[in-house]
Amino acid sequence: METLKIMKLRENAVIPKRATGGSAGMDLYACIDSEVTLAPGKLAVIPTGIAIALPSENYMANIYARSGLGVKHGICLSNGVGVVDSDYRGEVCVGLCNVSDTPYTIQPGERVAQLVIAPVSVMPTEEVLSLDSTERGAGGFGSTGRN
């Protein structure tokens, strides 16, 4: 069985865990010594105090926002989705932004994001002179209708 290896980099780090048996993601916790207030429109990098080792290059870890922080407080990821590559061994950090009009204070040990492990399709690439045609073609944003 393949295993996600997790190493604490600091004593007060919390090992990620799923909130329920059906949770897709594991909660990531703020490993900070004191609270951090995120003003409206501002960014912050929050350390988790952990490093991970994925089982192979066939996996990646994605960092997603917590829906409660986003919907209730306007706290989301500054990069949309964080990507942790299989060969990265540094500290997992979470870039947060405050898109609300109210300051939000992050507490030490607070759940700040979710970590989801996903497969990666490792395939060769090939440069070609043309691509096959499809019904949609090059139609971009909104080309398939509003709904």
N, C-alpha and C. Protein backbone atom coordinates (compact mmCIF):
# COMPACT_ATOMS: atom_id res chain seq x y z
N MET A 1 0.84 -1.19 0.00
CA MET A 1 0.00 0.00 0.00
C MET A 1 0.88 1.24 0.00
N GLU A 2 0.52 2.22 -0.83
CA GLU A 2 1.27 3.46 -0.88
C GLU A 2 0.88 4.35 0.29
N THR A 3 1.85 5.11 0.77
CA THR A 3 1.67 5.90 1.98
C THR A 3 2.14 7.32 1.77
N LEU A 4 1.39 8.27 2.29
CA LEU A 4 1.83 9.66 2.36
C LEU A 4 2.64 9.80 3.64
N LYS A 5 3.90 10.14 3.50
CA LYS A 5 4.76 10.33 4.67
C LYS A 5 4.72 11.80 5.07
N ILE A 6 4.54 12.03 6.38
CA ILE A 6 4.42 13.39 6.91
C ILE A 6 5.43 13.56 8.03
N MET A 7 6.21 14.62 7.96
CA MET A 7 7.21 14.90 8.99
C MET A 7 6.92 16.25 9.64
N LYS A 8 6.91 16.26 10.95
CA LYS A 8 6.79 17.53 11.68
C LYS A 8 8.12 18.26 11.62
N LEU A 9 8.06 19.53 11.25
CA LEU A 9 9.25 20.37 11.23
C LEU A 9 9.36 21.19 12.52
N ARG A 10 8.23 21.32 13.21
CA ARG A 10 8.19 22.04 14.48
C ARG A 10 7.33 21.27 15.46
N GLU A 11 7.65 21.40 16.70
CA GLU A 11 6.95 20.64 17.74
C GLU A 11 5.46 20.93 17.79
N ASN A 12 5.07 22.19 17.53
CA ASN A 12 3.65 22.55 17.63
C ASN A 12 2.86 22.29 16.34
N ALA A 13 3.47 21.64 15.35
CA ALA A 13 2.77 21.30 14.12
C ALA A 13 1.72 20.23 14.40
N VAL A 14 0.64 20.28 13.63
CA VAL A 14 -0.43 19.29 13.75
C VAL A 14 -0.43 18.45 12.47
N ILE A 15 -0.40 17.14 12.63
CA ILE A 15 -0.43 16.25 11.48
C ILE A 15 -1.81 16.37 10.82
N PRO A 16 -1.86 16.56 9.49
CA PRO A 16 -3.15 16.68 8.80
C PRO A 16 -4.01 15.44 9.00
N LYS A 17 -5.31 15.67 9.10
CA LYS A 17 -6.24 14.55 9.24
C LYS A 17 -7.57 14.91 8.60
N ARG A 18 -8.32 13.86 8.26
CA ARG A 18 -9.65 14.04 7.68
C ARG A 18 -10.64 14.28 8.82
N ALA A 19 -11.57 15.19 8.58
CA ALA A 19 -12.58 15.50 9.60
C ALA A 19 -13.57 14.35 9.76
N THR A 20 -13.88 13.68 8.64
CA THR A 20 -14.80 12.53 8.68
C THR A 20 -14.24 11.45 7.76
N GLY A 21 -14.79 10.26 7.84
CA GLY A 21 -14.35 9.17 6.99
C GLY A 21 -14.58 9.44 5.52
N GLY A 22 -15.55 10.27 5.19
CA GLY A 22 -15.85 10.58 3.80
C GLY A 22 -15.18 11.84 3.28
N SER A 23 -14.37 12.48 4.09
CA SER A 23 -13.70 13.71 3.66
C SER A 23 -12.66 13.40 2.59
N ALA A 24 -12.68 14.17 1.51
CA ALA A 24 -11.67 14.00 0.46
C ALA A 24 -10.34 14.59 0.88
N GLY A 25 -10.41 15.68 1.64
CA GLY A 25 -9.20 16.38 2.04
C GLY A 25 -8.87 16.21 3.50
N MET A 26 -7.59 16.42 3.79
CA MET A 26 -7.10 16.44 5.17
C MET A 26 -6.91 17.89 5.57
N ASP A 27 -7.34 18.23 6.75
CA ASP A 27 -7.20 19.61 7.23
C ASP A 27 -5.73 19.95 7.46
N LEU A 28 -5.35 21.15 7.02
CA LEU A 28 -4.03 21.70 7.29
C LEU A 28 -4.19 22.77 8.36
N TYR A 29 -3.27 22.79 9.31
CA TYR A 29 -3.38 23.65 10.49
C TYR A 29 -2.29 24.73 10.48
N ALA A 30 -2.65 25.92 10.94
CA ALA A 30 -1.69 27.02 11.04
C ALA A 30 -0.68 26.70 12.13
N CYS A 31 0.59 26.66 11.76
CA CYS A 31 1.66 26.44 12.74
C CYS A 31 2.34 27.78 12.98
N ILE A 32 1.67 28.60 13.77
CA ILE A 32 2.15 29.95 14.06
C ILE A 32 2.19 30.12 15.57
N ASP A 33 3.11 30.97 16.04
CA ASP A 33 3.28 31.17 17.48
C ASP A 33 2.27 32.15 18.05
N SER A 34 1.78 33.06 17.21
CA SER A 34 0.78 34.02 17.67
C SER A 34 -0.18 34.29 16.52
N GLU A 35 -1.31 34.87 16.84
CA GLU A 35 -2.34 35.10 15.82
C GLU A 35 -1.82 36.04 14.73
N VAL A 36 -2.41 35.86 13.54
CA VAL A 36 -2.08 36.70 12.38
C VAL A 36 -3.38 37.30 11.88
N THR A 37 -3.44 38.64 11.83
CA THR A 37 -4.64 39.30 11.33
C THR A 37 -4.42 39.64 9.86
N LEU A 38 -5.37 39.18 9.07
CA LEU A 38 -5.33 39.39 7.63
C LEU A 38 -6.32 40.50 7.29
N ALA A 39 -5.80 41.66 6.94
CA ALA A 39 -6.64 42.82 6.62
C ALA A 39 -7.31 42.62 5.27
N PRO A 40 -8.43 43.31 5.02
CA PRO A 40 -9.09 43.21 3.71
C PRO A 40 -8.12 43.52 2.57
N GLY A 41 -8.15 42.67 1.54
CA GLY A 41 -7.30 42.87 0.38
C GLY A 41 -5.86 42.47 0.56
N LYS A 42 -5.49 41.95 1.71
CA LYS A 42 -4.10 41.59 1.98
C LYS A 42 -3.86 40.09 1.84
N LEU A 43 -2.57 39.75 1.74
CA LEU A 43 -2.12 38.37 1.59
C LEU A 43 -1.26 37.96 2.78
N ALA A 44 -1.21 36.67 3.05
CA ALA A 44 -0.32 36.14 4.09
C ALA A 44 0.07 34.72 3.72
N VAL A 45 1.28 34.35 4.06
CA VAL A 45 1.74 32.97 3.91
C VAL A 45 1.75 32.35 5.30
N ILE A 46 0.96 31.30 5.46
CA ILE A 46 0.80 30.65 6.76
C ILE A 46 1.53 29.30 6.73
N PRO A 47 2.53 29.13 7.56
CA PRO A 47 3.23 27.84 7.61
C PRO A 47 2.38 26.77 8.30
N THR A 48 2.58 25.52 7.90
CA THR A 48 1.87 24.40 8.55
C THR A 48 2.79 23.62 9.47
N GLY A 49 4.09 23.83 9.36
CA GLY A 49 5.03 23.10 10.22
C GLY A 49 5.26 21.66 9.81
N ILE A 50 4.82 21.29 8.61
CA ILE A 50 5.02 19.91 8.15
C ILE A 50 5.67 19.90 6.77
N ALA A 51 6.30 18.78 6.46
CA ALA A 51 6.77 18.47 5.12
C ALA A 51 6.20 17.11 4.77
N ILE A 52 6.02 16.86 3.47
CA ILE A 52 5.45 15.59 3.05
C ILE A 52 6.31 14.93 1.99
N ALA A 53 6.14 13.61 1.86
CA ALA A 53 6.76 12.85 0.78
C ALA A 53 5.67 11.99 0.16
N LEU A 54 5.34 12.32 -1.08
CA LEU A 54 4.37 11.52 -1.83
C LEU A 54 5.04 10.22 -2.27
N PRO A 55 4.26 9.15 -2.49
CA PRO A 55 4.86 7.85 -2.78
C PRO A 55 5.60 7.75 -4.11
N SER A 56 5.25 8.60 -5.10
CA SER A 56 5.94 8.56 -6.39
C SER A 56 5.56 9.78 -7.21
N GLU A 57 6.18 9.89 -8.39
CA GLU A 57 5.86 11.00 -9.30
C GLU A 57 4.48 10.85 -9.91
N ASN A 58 3.79 9.79 -9.61
CA ASN A 58 2.42 9.58 -10.10
C ASN A 58 1.38 10.24 -9.21
N TYR A 59 1.83 11.01 -8.21
CA TYR A 59 0.92 11.70 -7.29
C TYR A 59 1.32 13.15 -7.13
N MET A 60 0.34 13.96 -6.78
CA MET A 60 0.56 15.34 -6.40
C MET A 60 -0.32 15.63 -5.19
N ALA A 61 0.00 16.67 -4.46
CA ALA A 61 -0.87 17.13 -3.39
C ALA A 61 -1.41 18.48 -3.80
N ASN A 62 -2.70 18.65 -3.67
CA ASN A 62 -3.34 19.93 -3.95
C ASN A 62 -3.76 20.57 -2.64
N ILE A 63 -3.59 21.86 -2.56
CA ILE A 63 -4.04 22.61 -1.39
C ILE A 63 -5.25 23.43 -1.82
N TYR A 64 -6.36 23.18 -1.16
CA TYR A 64 -7.62 23.86 -1.47
C TYR A 64 -8.07 24.70 -0.28
N ALA A 65 -8.88 25.71 -0.57
CA ALA A 65 -9.45 26.54 0.49
C ALA A 65 -10.45 25.73 1.30
N ARG A 66 -10.65 26.13 2.53
CA ARG A 66 -11.72 25.56 3.35
C ARG A 66 -12.99 26.33 3.01
N SER A 67 -14.06 25.61 2.71
CA SER A 67 -15.28 26.28 2.27
C SER A 67 -15.84 27.22 3.34
N GLY A 68 -15.76 26.84 4.60
CA GLY A 68 -16.28 27.70 5.66
C GLY A 68 -15.54 29.03 5.74
N LEU A 69 -14.22 28.99 5.60
CA LEU A 69 -13.45 30.24 5.63
C LEU A 69 -13.79 31.11 4.44
N GLY A 70 -13.96 30.49 3.28
CA GLY A 70 -14.25 31.25 2.08
C GLY A 70 -15.65 31.84 2.09
N VAL A 71 -16.64 31.02 2.38
CA VAL A 71 -18.04 31.47 2.32
C VAL A 71 -18.39 32.41 3.47
N LYS A 72 -17.94 32.09 4.66
CA LYS A 72 -18.32 32.90 5.84
C LYS A 72 -17.44 34.13 6.05
N HIS A 73 -16.15 34.04 5.64
CA HIS A 73 -15.21 35.12 5.99
C HIS A 73 -14.44 35.70 4.82
N GLY A 74 -14.60 35.15 3.61
CA GLY A 74 -13.89 35.68 2.45
C GLY A 74 -12.41 35.37 2.45
N ILE A 75 -12.01 34.31 3.16
CA ILE A 75 -10.60 33.92 3.21
C ILE A 75 -10.41 32.78 2.22
N CYS A 76 -9.58 33.03 1.21
CA CYS A 76 -9.35 32.02 0.17
C CYS A 76 -7.86 31.92 -0.12
N LEU A 77 -7.51 31.01 -1.01
CA LEU A 77 -6.10 30.84 -1.36
C LEU A 77 -5.68 31.92 -2.36
N SER A 78 -4.52 32.48 -2.14
CA SER A 78 -4.03 33.54 -3.02
C SER A 78 -3.65 33.03 -4.39
N ASN A 79 -3.39 31.72 -4.53
CA ASN A 79 -3.02 31.15 -5.82
C ASN A 79 -4.09 30.22 -6.37
N GLY A 80 -5.31 30.33 -5.90
CA GLY A 80 -6.42 29.48 -6.38
C GLY A 80 -6.35 28.09 -5.82
N VAL A 81 -5.40 27.31 -6.31
CA VAL A 81 -5.12 25.97 -5.78
C VAL A 81 -3.61 25.84 -5.67
N GLY A 82 -3.15 25.40 -4.52
CA GLY A 82 -1.72 25.16 -4.36
C GLY A 82 -1.37 23.78 -4.88
N VAL A 83 -0.21 23.67 -5.51
CA VAL A 83 0.26 22.39 -6.02
C VAL A 83 1.56 22.04 -5.31
N VAL A 84 1.59 20.84 -4.71
CA VAL A 84 2.81 20.33 -4.09
C VAL A 84 3.29 19.18 -4.98
N ASP A 85 4.43 19.37 -5.62
CA ASP A 85 4.98 18.37 -6.51
C ASP A 85 5.56 17.19 -5.73
N SER A 86 5.66 16.05 -6.40
CA SER A 86 6.10 14.82 -5.73
C SER A 86 7.53 14.90 -5.22
N ASP A 87 8.36 15.76 -5.79
CA ASP A 87 9.75 15.84 -5.35
C ASP A 87 10.03 16.99 -4.39
N TYR A 88 9.01 17.71 -3.96
CA TYR A 88 9.18 18.81 -3.01
C TYR A 88 9.26 18.27 -1.59
N ARG A 89 10.25 18.70 -0.83
CA ARG A 89 10.42 18.23 0.54
C ARG A 89 10.46 19.37 1.56
N GLY A 90 10.16 20.58 1.13
CA GLY A 90 10.16 21.71 2.04
C GLY A 90 8.86 21.81 2.82
N GLU A 91 8.77 22.84 3.63
CA GLU A 91 7.57 23.04 4.44
C GLU A 91 6.37 23.36 3.55
N VAL A 92 5.25 22.75 3.87
CA VAL A 92 4.00 23.04 3.19
C VAL A 92 3.45 24.32 3.82
N CYS A 93 3.28 25.35 2.99
CA CYS A 93 2.74 26.63 3.45
C CYS A 93 1.47 26.93 2.67
N VAL A 94 0.62 27.76 3.24
CA VAL A 94 -0.66 28.10 2.63
C VAL A 94 -0.70 29.60 2.40
N GLY A 95 -0.85 30.00 1.13
CA GLY A 95 -1.01 31.41 0.80
C GLY A 95 -2.48 31.79 0.90
N LEU A 96 -2.81 32.70 1.80
CA LEU A 96 -4.19 33.12 2.00
C LEU A 96 -4.38 34.56 1.58
N CYS A 97 -5.60 34.90 1.17
CA CYS A 97 -5.96 36.28 0.91
C CYS A 97 -7.34 36.55 1.50
N ASN A 98 -7.56 37.80 1.84
CA ASN A 98 -8.82 38.22 2.42
C ASN A 98 -9.56 39.06 1.38
N VAL A 99 -10.61 38.48 0.78
CA VAL A 99 -11.38 39.20 -0.23
C VAL A 99 -12.63 39.86 0.36
N SER A 100 -12.74 39.84 1.68
CA SER A 100 -13.87 40.49 2.33
C SER A 100 -13.51 41.93 2.67
N ASP A 101 -14.43 42.62 3.32
CA ASP A 101 -14.16 43.99 3.76
C ASP A 101 -13.93 44.06 5.27
N THR A 102 -13.67 42.89 5.87
CA THR A 102 -13.49 42.79 7.32
C THR A 102 -12.18 42.06 7.64
N PRO A 103 -11.38 42.57 8.57
CA PRO A 103 -10.18 41.84 8.95
C PRO A 103 -10.54 40.46 9.52
N TYR A 104 -9.67 39.50 9.31
CA TYR A 104 -9.87 38.15 9.85
C TYR A 104 -8.60 37.74 10.57
N THR A 105 -8.76 37.21 11.78
CA THR A 105 -7.60 36.80 12.57
C THR A 105 -7.47 35.29 12.58
N ILE A 106 -6.31 34.83 12.12
CA ILE A 106 -5.98 33.40 12.10
C ILE A 106 -5.31 33.05 13.42
N GLN A 107 -5.84 32.04 14.07
CA GLN A 107 -5.35 31.62 15.38
C GLN A 107 -4.32 30.49 15.23
N PRO A 108 -3.36 30.39 16.14
CA PRO A 108 -2.45 29.24 16.12
C PRO A 108 -3.27 27.95 16.18
N GLY A 109 -2.93 26.99 15.35
CA GLY A 109 -3.62 25.71 15.34
C GLY A 109 -4.93 25.69 14.58
N GLU A 110 -5.32 26.82 13.99
CA GLU A 110 -6.59 26.88 13.24
C GLU A 110 -6.46 26.11 11.92
N ARG A 111 -7.54 25.47 11.51
CA ARG A 111 -7.57 24.82 10.21
C ARG A 111 -7.66 25.90 9.13
N VAL A 112 -6.68 25.92 8.23
CA VAL A 112 -6.61 27.01 7.25
C VAL A 112 -6.79 26.55 5.80
N ALA A 113 -6.69 25.26 5.53
CA ALA A 113 -6.83 24.76 4.16
C ALA A 113 -7.02 23.25 4.21
N GLN A 114 -7.16 22.66 3.02
CA GLN A 114 -7.28 21.21 2.90
C GLN A 114 -6.21 20.68 1.97
N LEU A 115 -5.69 19.52 2.27
CA LEU A 115 -4.70 18.84 1.45
C LEU A 115 -5.37 17.63 0.81
N VAL A 116 -5.36 17.58 -0.52
CA VAL A 116 -5.97 16.47 -1.26
C VAL A 116 -4.90 15.83 -2.13
N ILE A 117 -4.72 14.53 -2.00
CA ILE A 117 -3.76 13.80 -2.82
C ILE A 117 -4.47 13.36 -4.10
N ALA A 118 -3.82 13.55 -5.24
CA ALA A 118 -4.44 13.22 -6.52
C ALA A 118 -3.43 12.55 -7.44
N PRO A 119 -3.92 11.68 -8.32
CA PRO A 119 -3.01 11.06 -9.29
C PRO A 119 -2.58 12.06 -10.36
N VAL A 120 -1.42 11.82 -10.92
CA VAL A 120 -0.88 12.63 -12.01
C VAL A 120 -0.63 11.70 -13.19
N SER A 121 -1.07 12.10 -14.34
CA SER A 121 -0.80 11.32 -15.54
C SER A 121 0.52 11.79 -16.12
N VAL A 122 1.53 10.95 -16.00
CA VAL A 122 2.85 11.27 -16.52
C VAL A 122 2.95 10.67 -17.92
N MET A 123 2.90 11.55 -18.91
CA MET A 123 2.92 11.06 -20.29
C MET A 123 3.89 11.86 -21.12
N PRO A 124 4.40 11.27 -22.19
CA PRO A 124 5.30 12.02 -23.06
C PRO A 124 4.52 13.09 -23.83
N THR A 125 5.22 14.10 -24.28
CA THR A 125 4.60 15.14 -25.11
C THR A 125 5.12 15.02 -26.53
N GLU A 126 4.36 15.53 -27.46
CA GLU A 126 4.73 15.50 -28.87
C GLU A 126 4.30 16.79 -29.52
N GLU A 127 5.22 17.49 -30.14
CA GLU A 127 4.87 18.68 -30.89
C GLU A 127 4.30 18.25 -32.24
N VAL A 128 3.15 18.85 -32.60
CA VAL A 128 2.50 18.51 -33.87
C VAL A 128 2.22 19.80 -34.65
N LEU A 129 1.93 19.66 -35.93
CA LEU A 129 1.64 20.82 -36.77
C LEU A 129 0.16 21.19 -36.76
N SER A 130 -0.70 20.23 -36.36
CA SER A 130 -2.13 20.51 -36.27
C SER A 130 -2.76 19.58 -35.25
N LEU A 131 -3.96 19.94 -34.82
CA LEU A 131 -4.72 19.13 -33.87
C LEU A 131 -6.00 18.67 -34.54
N ASP A 132 -6.57 17.57 -34.03
CA ASP A 132 -7.84 17.10 -34.58
C ASP A 132 -8.94 18.12 -34.29
N SER A 133 -9.96 18.16 -35.13
CA SER A 133 -11.04 19.13 -34.94
C SER A 133 -12.13 18.53 -34.05
N THR A 134 -12.83 19.41 -33.36
CA THR A 134 -13.94 19.02 -32.49
C THR A 134 -15.12 19.95 -32.76
N GLU A 135 -16.28 19.61 -32.26
CA GLU A 135 -17.46 20.46 -32.43
C GLU A 135 -17.22 21.84 -31.82
N ARG A 136 -16.58 21.89 -30.65
CA ARG A 136 -16.33 23.16 -29.98
C ARG A 136 -15.20 23.94 -30.65
N GLY A 137 -14.19 23.25 -31.10
CA GLY A 137 -13.06 23.92 -31.73
C GLY A 137 -12.31 24.82 -30.77
N ALA A 138 -12.01 26.03 -31.20
CA ALA A 138 -11.24 26.96 -30.38
C ALA A 138 -12.14 27.87 -29.53
N GLY A 139 -13.43 27.56 -29.47
CA GLY A 139 -14.35 28.39 -28.66
C GLY A 139 -13.92 28.40 -27.22
N GLY A 140 -13.72 29.59 -26.70
CA GLY A 140 -13.20 29.73 -25.33
C GLY A 140 -14.26 30.07 -24.31
N PHE A 141 -13.93 30.95 -23.42
CA PHE A 141 -14.78 31.30 -22.28
C PHE A 141 -16.18 31.68 -22.73
N GLY A 142 -17.17 30.96 -22.21
CA GLY A 142 -18.56 31.26 -22.50
C GLY A 142 -19.06 30.77 -23.84
N SER A 143 -18.23 30.06 -24.58
CA SER A 143 -18.62 29.66 -25.94
C SER A 143 -19.71 28.59 -25.97
N THR A 144 -19.93 27.91 -24.85
CA THR A 144 -20.96 26.87 -24.84
C THR A 144 -22.27 27.36 -24.23
N GLY A 145 -22.38 28.66 -23.98
CA GLY A 145 -23.61 29.22 -23.44
C GLY A 145 -23.46 29.65 -22.01
N ARG A 146 -24.46 30.37 -21.53
CA ARG A 146 -24.40 30.93 -20.18
C ARG A 146 -24.59 29.88 -19.11
N ASN A 147 -25.48 28.94 -19.33
CA ASN A 147 -25.75 27.95 -18.30
C ASN A 147 -24.90 26.77 -18.54
